[in-house]
Amino acid sequence: MSSDAAARVNLWVNPEHARRYLGERATIPHQVEAMAALAEFVPGSVKRALDLGTGDGIAMALVLDLRPGATGVAADFSEEMLGRARSRFAGAPVEVVRHDLDEPLPEAWGEFDLVLSSFAIHHVPHERKAALAGEVFERLLPGGTFLNLEHVASPSERLHDEFLASMGRTPVDDDPSNILAPVEAQLEWLRSAGFTDVDCHWKWRELALLAGRSPI
């Protein structure tokens, strides 16, 4: 799909689309493995984390379980998801905020030693993905970590169709909200933003864990 914002379709403004995704999430192949990979690369010490496109808060909740005492900000623009995240984090040291990833990250949020995202950034145009990498870098403390568990582009249409088939879908069922970018392009955006230790730590077909660190 073109990265031209004028041509975009974003079904996530529809609460039913969000509910459908949540209902199907557990059936995504290797979902448990993907979250385990994310958990493996969460830094040993996390004081403050930012979750971009938090959804119902599943990734931020994982961080809190792994690093008791951590605080954070969980951001999303879907009212359906925000309601679920607020319920999940009621009484927890997490501020749930409304934010559209099309917009720059607010400086008022402060700095973090971990920024993470789980299957959210692929909904913004490529130009915005590259800019977001730079904004994440600016929000990280020295030595901080960025973990992006992401839906990435296949190298060919055939492989993309095979990915859809692995989930029992056809090209007709493809989500028009997706704006998928290749792994290498996304790693280069991280390098260009200033990240070190940039790598794809885990991948299965179109699911991948992309990461980088802010230099100390």
Protein backbone atom coordinates (compact mmCIF):
# COMPACT_ATOMS: atom_id res chain seq x y z
CA MET A 1 0.00 0.00 0.00
CA SER A 2 1.22 3.50 -0.77
CA SER A 3 2.63 5.57 2.06
CA ASP A 4 0.71 8.53 0.70
CA ALA A 5 -1.35 9.71 3.66
CA ALA A 6 -4.16 10.81 1.38
CA ALA A 7 -4.65 7.21 0.24
CA ARG A 8 -4.69 5.70 3.70
CA VAL A 9 -7.42 3.58 5.18
CA ASN A 10 -7.36 3.18 8.95
CA LEU A 11 -9.93 0.74 10.28
CA TRP A 12 -8.68 1.16 13.84
CA VAL A 13 -10.98 4.12 14.36
CA ASN A 14 -13.75 1.51 14.36
CA PRO A 15 -14.25 -0.10 17.81
CA GLU A 16 -15.46 -3.30 16.16
CA HIS A 17 -12.15 -3.64 14.30
CA ALA A 18 -10.25 -3.38 17.58
CA ARG A 19 -12.53 -5.93 19.24
CA ARG A 20 -12.12 -8.32 16.32
CA TYR A 21 -8.32 -8.11 16.56
CA LEU A 22 -8.37 -8.79 20.30
CA GLY A 23 -10.64 -11.76 19.77
CA GLU A 24 -8.31 -13.23 17.15
CA ARG A 25 -4.96 -12.31 18.72
CA ALA A 26 -4.46 -15.61 20.52
CA THR A 27 -4.85 -17.50 17.23
CA ILE A 28 -2.00 -15.66 15.46
CA PRO A 29 0.75 -18.24 14.80
CA HIS A 30 3.80 -17.89 17.04
CA GLN A 31 2.16 -15.14 19.11
CA VAL A 32 3.43 -16.70 22.34
CA GLU A 33 6.91 -17.06 20.83
CA ALA A 34 6.84 -13.41 19.75
CA MET A 35 5.99 -12.19 23.23
CA ALA A 36 8.67 -14.47 24.69
CA ALA A 37 11.23 -12.89 22.37
CA LEU A 38 10.12 -9.44 23.50
CA ALA A 39 10.44 -10.49 27.13
CA GLU A 40 13.95 -11.85 26.55
CA PHE A 41 15.24 -8.46 25.42
CA VAL A 42 13.60 -6.30 28.08
CA PRO A 43 16.56 -4.71 29.91
CA GLY A 44 17.51 -6.06 33.32
CA SER A 45 16.56 -2.78 34.96
CA VAL A 46 13.61 -0.69 33.84
CA LYS A 47 12.58 2.38 35.80
CA ARG A 48 10.29 4.04 33.25
CA ALA A 49 8.83 2.63 30.04
CA LEU A 50 6.82 4.04 27.13
CA ASP A 51 4.50 1.77 25.15
CA LEU A 52 3.55 3.16 21.73
CA GLY A 53 0.25 1.87 20.39
CA THR A 54 -0.37 0.01 23.63
CA GLY A 55 -3.69 -1.51 22.58
CA ASP A 56 -5.15 -3.20 25.64
CA GLY A 57 -1.75 -2.92 27.36
CA ILE A 58 -0.52 -6.47 26.88
CA ALA A 59 3.14 -5.53 26.23
CA MET A 60 3.33 -2.94 29.00
CA ALA A 61 1.80 -5.46 31.40
CA LEU A 62 4.57 -7.89 30.45
CA VAL A 63 7.19 -5.27 31.33
CA LEU A 64 5.56 -4.59 34.71
CA ASP A 65 5.50 -8.31 35.46
CA LEU A 66 9.16 -8.69 34.53
CA ARG A 67 10.38 -5.52 36.23
CA PRO A 68 8.35 -4.81 39.39
CA GLY A 69 8.69 -1.20 40.40
CA ALA A 70 8.75 0.11 36.83
CA THR A 71 6.43 2.97 35.90
CA GLY A 72 5.31 4.03 32.48
CA VAL A 73 3.19 5.74 29.88
CA ALA A 74 0.91 3.71 27.62
CA ALA A 75 -0.29 5.54 24.51
CA ASP A 76 -2.94 4.71 21.93
CA PHE A 77 -5.54 6.56 19.83
CA SER A 78 -8.30 3.92 19.76
CA GLU A 79 -10.97 4.68 22.35
CA GLU A 80 -11.81 0.97 22.53
CA MET A 81 -8.19 0.09 23.30
CA LEU A 82 -7.74 3.01 25.70
CA GLY A 83 -10.73 1.86 27.72
CA ARG A 84 -9.31 -1.64 28.01
CA ALA A 85 -5.85 -0.36 28.91
CA ARG A 86 -7.27 1.91 31.61
CA SER A 87 -9.11 -1.06 33.11
CA ARG A 88 -5.99 -3.23 32.99
CA PHE A 89 -3.80 -0.61 34.65
CA ALA A 90 -6.28 0.64 37.24
CA GLY A 91 -4.18 1.16 40.36
CA ALA A 92 -0.92 0.46 38.49
CA PRO A 93 1.87 3.04 38.04
CA VAL A 94 1.01 3.51 34.35
CA GLU A 95 -0.42 6.66 32.80
CA VAL A 96 -2.72 5.75 29.91
CA VAL A 97 -2.85 8.59 27.37
CA ARG A 98 -4.48 9.25 24.04
CA HIS A 99 -1.94 9.80 21.28
CA ASP A 100 -2.00 9.23 17.53
CA LEU A 101 1.36 7.97 16.23
CA ASP A 102 0.88 10.21 13.20
CA GLU A 103 1.72 13.08 15.56
CA PRO A 104 5.14 13.84 17.13
CA LEU A 105 5.83 12.33 20.53
CA PRO A 106 5.21 14.99 23.19
CA GLU A 107 8.29 16.27 25.00
CA ALA A 108 6.11 16.60 28.09
CA TRP A 109 6.19 12.84 28.50
CA GLY A 110 9.83 13.12 29.56
CA GLU A 111 12.50 10.45 29.13
CA PHE A 112 12.49 6.67 29.39
CA ASP A 113 14.97 3.84 29.67
CA LEU A 114 12.70 1.58 27.61
CA VAL A 115 10.43 2.38 24.68
CA LEU A 116 8.48 -0.51 23.22
CA SER A 117 5.76 -1.10 20.68
CA SER A 118 3.78 -4.17 19.76
CA PHE A 119 2.27 -4.44 16.26
CA ALA A 120 1.32 -0.76 15.98
CA ILE A 121 3.88 1.29 14.07
CA HIS A 122 3.14 -0.48 10.77
CA HIS A 123 -0.07 1.53 10.57
CA VAL A 124 1.73 4.82 9.87
CA PRO A 125 3.34 5.87 6.56
CA HIS A 126 7.00 5.04 5.97
CA GLU A 127 8.06 8.67 6.26
CA ARG A 128 6.44 8.80 9.68
CA LYS A 129 8.07 5.51 10.72
CA ALA A 130 11.50 7.00 9.98
CA ALA A 131 10.67 10.22 11.85
CA LEU A 132 9.30 8.24 14.78
CA ALA A 133 12.60 6.38 15.10
CA GLY A 134 14.31 9.73 15.64
CA GLU A 135 11.70 10.85 18.17
CA VAL A 136 12.05 7.61 20.13
CA PHE A 137 15.81 8.11 20.16
CA GLU A 138 15.32 11.59 21.63
CA ARG A 139 13.00 10.26 24.34
CA LEU A 140 15.46 7.56 25.47
CA LEU A 141 17.96 8.05 28.25
CA PRO A 142 21.60 7.15 27.43
CA GLY A 143 21.84 3.37 27.25
CA GLY A 144 18.08 3.06 26.81
CA THR A 145 16.46 0.37 24.67
CA PHE A 146 13.86 0.45 21.89
CA LEU A 147 11.98 -2.80 21.22
CA ASN A 148 9.56 -2.90 18.31
CA LEU A 149 7.63 -6.15 17.89
CA GLU A 150 6.32 -5.45 14.44
CA HIS A 151 4.41 -6.63 11.39
CA VAL A 152 6.89 -6.26 8.53
CA ALA A 153 6.75 -6.62 4.75
CA SER A 154 7.50 -9.87 2.98
CA PRO A 155 10.15 -9.76 0.21
CA SER A 156 7.60 -10.95 -2.37
CA GLU A 157 3.87 -11.09 -3.03
CA ARG A 158 4.01 -14.89 -2.92
CA LEU A 159 5.52 -14.87 0.57
CA HIS A 160 2.94 -12.32 1.70
CA ASP A 161 0.14 -14.53 0.42
CA GLU A 162 1.70 -17.51 2.22
CA PHE A 163 1.80 -15.48 5.44
CA LEU A 164 -1.90 -14.71 5.09
CA ALA A 165 -2.62 -18.37 4.36
CA SER A 166 -0.79 -19.39 7.54
CA MET A 167 -3.48 -17.46 9.42
CA GLY A 168 -6.33 -18.85 7.35
CA ARG A 169 -6.72 -15.67 5.32
CA THR A 170 -6.62 -14.71 1.65
CA PRO A 171 -5.51 -11.43 0.00
CA VAL A 172 -9.17 -10.36 0.06
CA ASP A 173 -9.00 -10.44 3.88
CA ASP A 174 -5.85 -8.30 4.04
CA ASP A 175 -6.13 -5.33 6.42
CA PRO A 176 -6.00 -2.09 4.36
CA SER A 177 -4.75 -0.31 7.50
CA ASN A 178 -1.37 -2.03 7.15
CA ILE A 179 1.54 -0.09 5.62
CA LEU A 180 4.28 -2.71 5.82
CA ALA A 181 7.98 -1.90 5.53
CA PRO A 182 10.87 -4.35 4.98
CA VAL A 183 13.04 -5.30 7.93
CA GLU A 184 16.24 -3.84 6.48
CA ALA A 185 14.61 -0.48 5.78
CA GLN A 186 13.41 -0.29 9.36
CA LEU A 187 16.81 -1.22 10.74
CA GLU A 188 18.37 1.49 8.59
CA TRP A 189 15.93 4.05 9.97
CA LEU A 190 17.09 3.10 13.46
CA ARG A 191 20.75 3.39 12.49
CA SER A 192 20.14 6.76 10.86
CA ALA A 193 18.43 7.99 14.01
CA GLY A 194 21.58 7.22 16.01
CA PHE A 195 20.78 3.84 17.54
CA THR A 196 23.53 1.30 18.19
CA ASP A 197 23.28 -2.50 18.48
CA VAL A 198 20.56 -2.38 15.84
CA ASP A 199 19.29 -5.82 14.96
CA CYS A 200 16.33 -8.04 14.13
CA HIS A 201 16.42 -10.33 17.16
CA TRP A 202 13.56 -12.63 16.12
CA LYS A 203 11.48 -13.23 13.01
CA TRP A 204 8.79 -15.54 11.73
CA ARG A 205 7.48 -14.67 8.28
CA GLU A 206 6.03 -11.13 8.69
CA LEU A 207 6.42 -10.91 12.46
CA ALA A 208 9.71 -9.51 13.73
CA LEU A 209 11.38 -8.03 16.79
CA LEU A 210 13.45 -4.98 15.79
CA ALA A 211 15.66 -3.28 18.35
CA GLY A 212 18.32 -0.71 19.04
CA ARG A 213 20.01 1.05 21.94
CA SER A 214 20.80 4.65 22.70
CA PRO A 215 24.58 5.10 23.11
CA ILE A 216 25.85 5.53 26.67
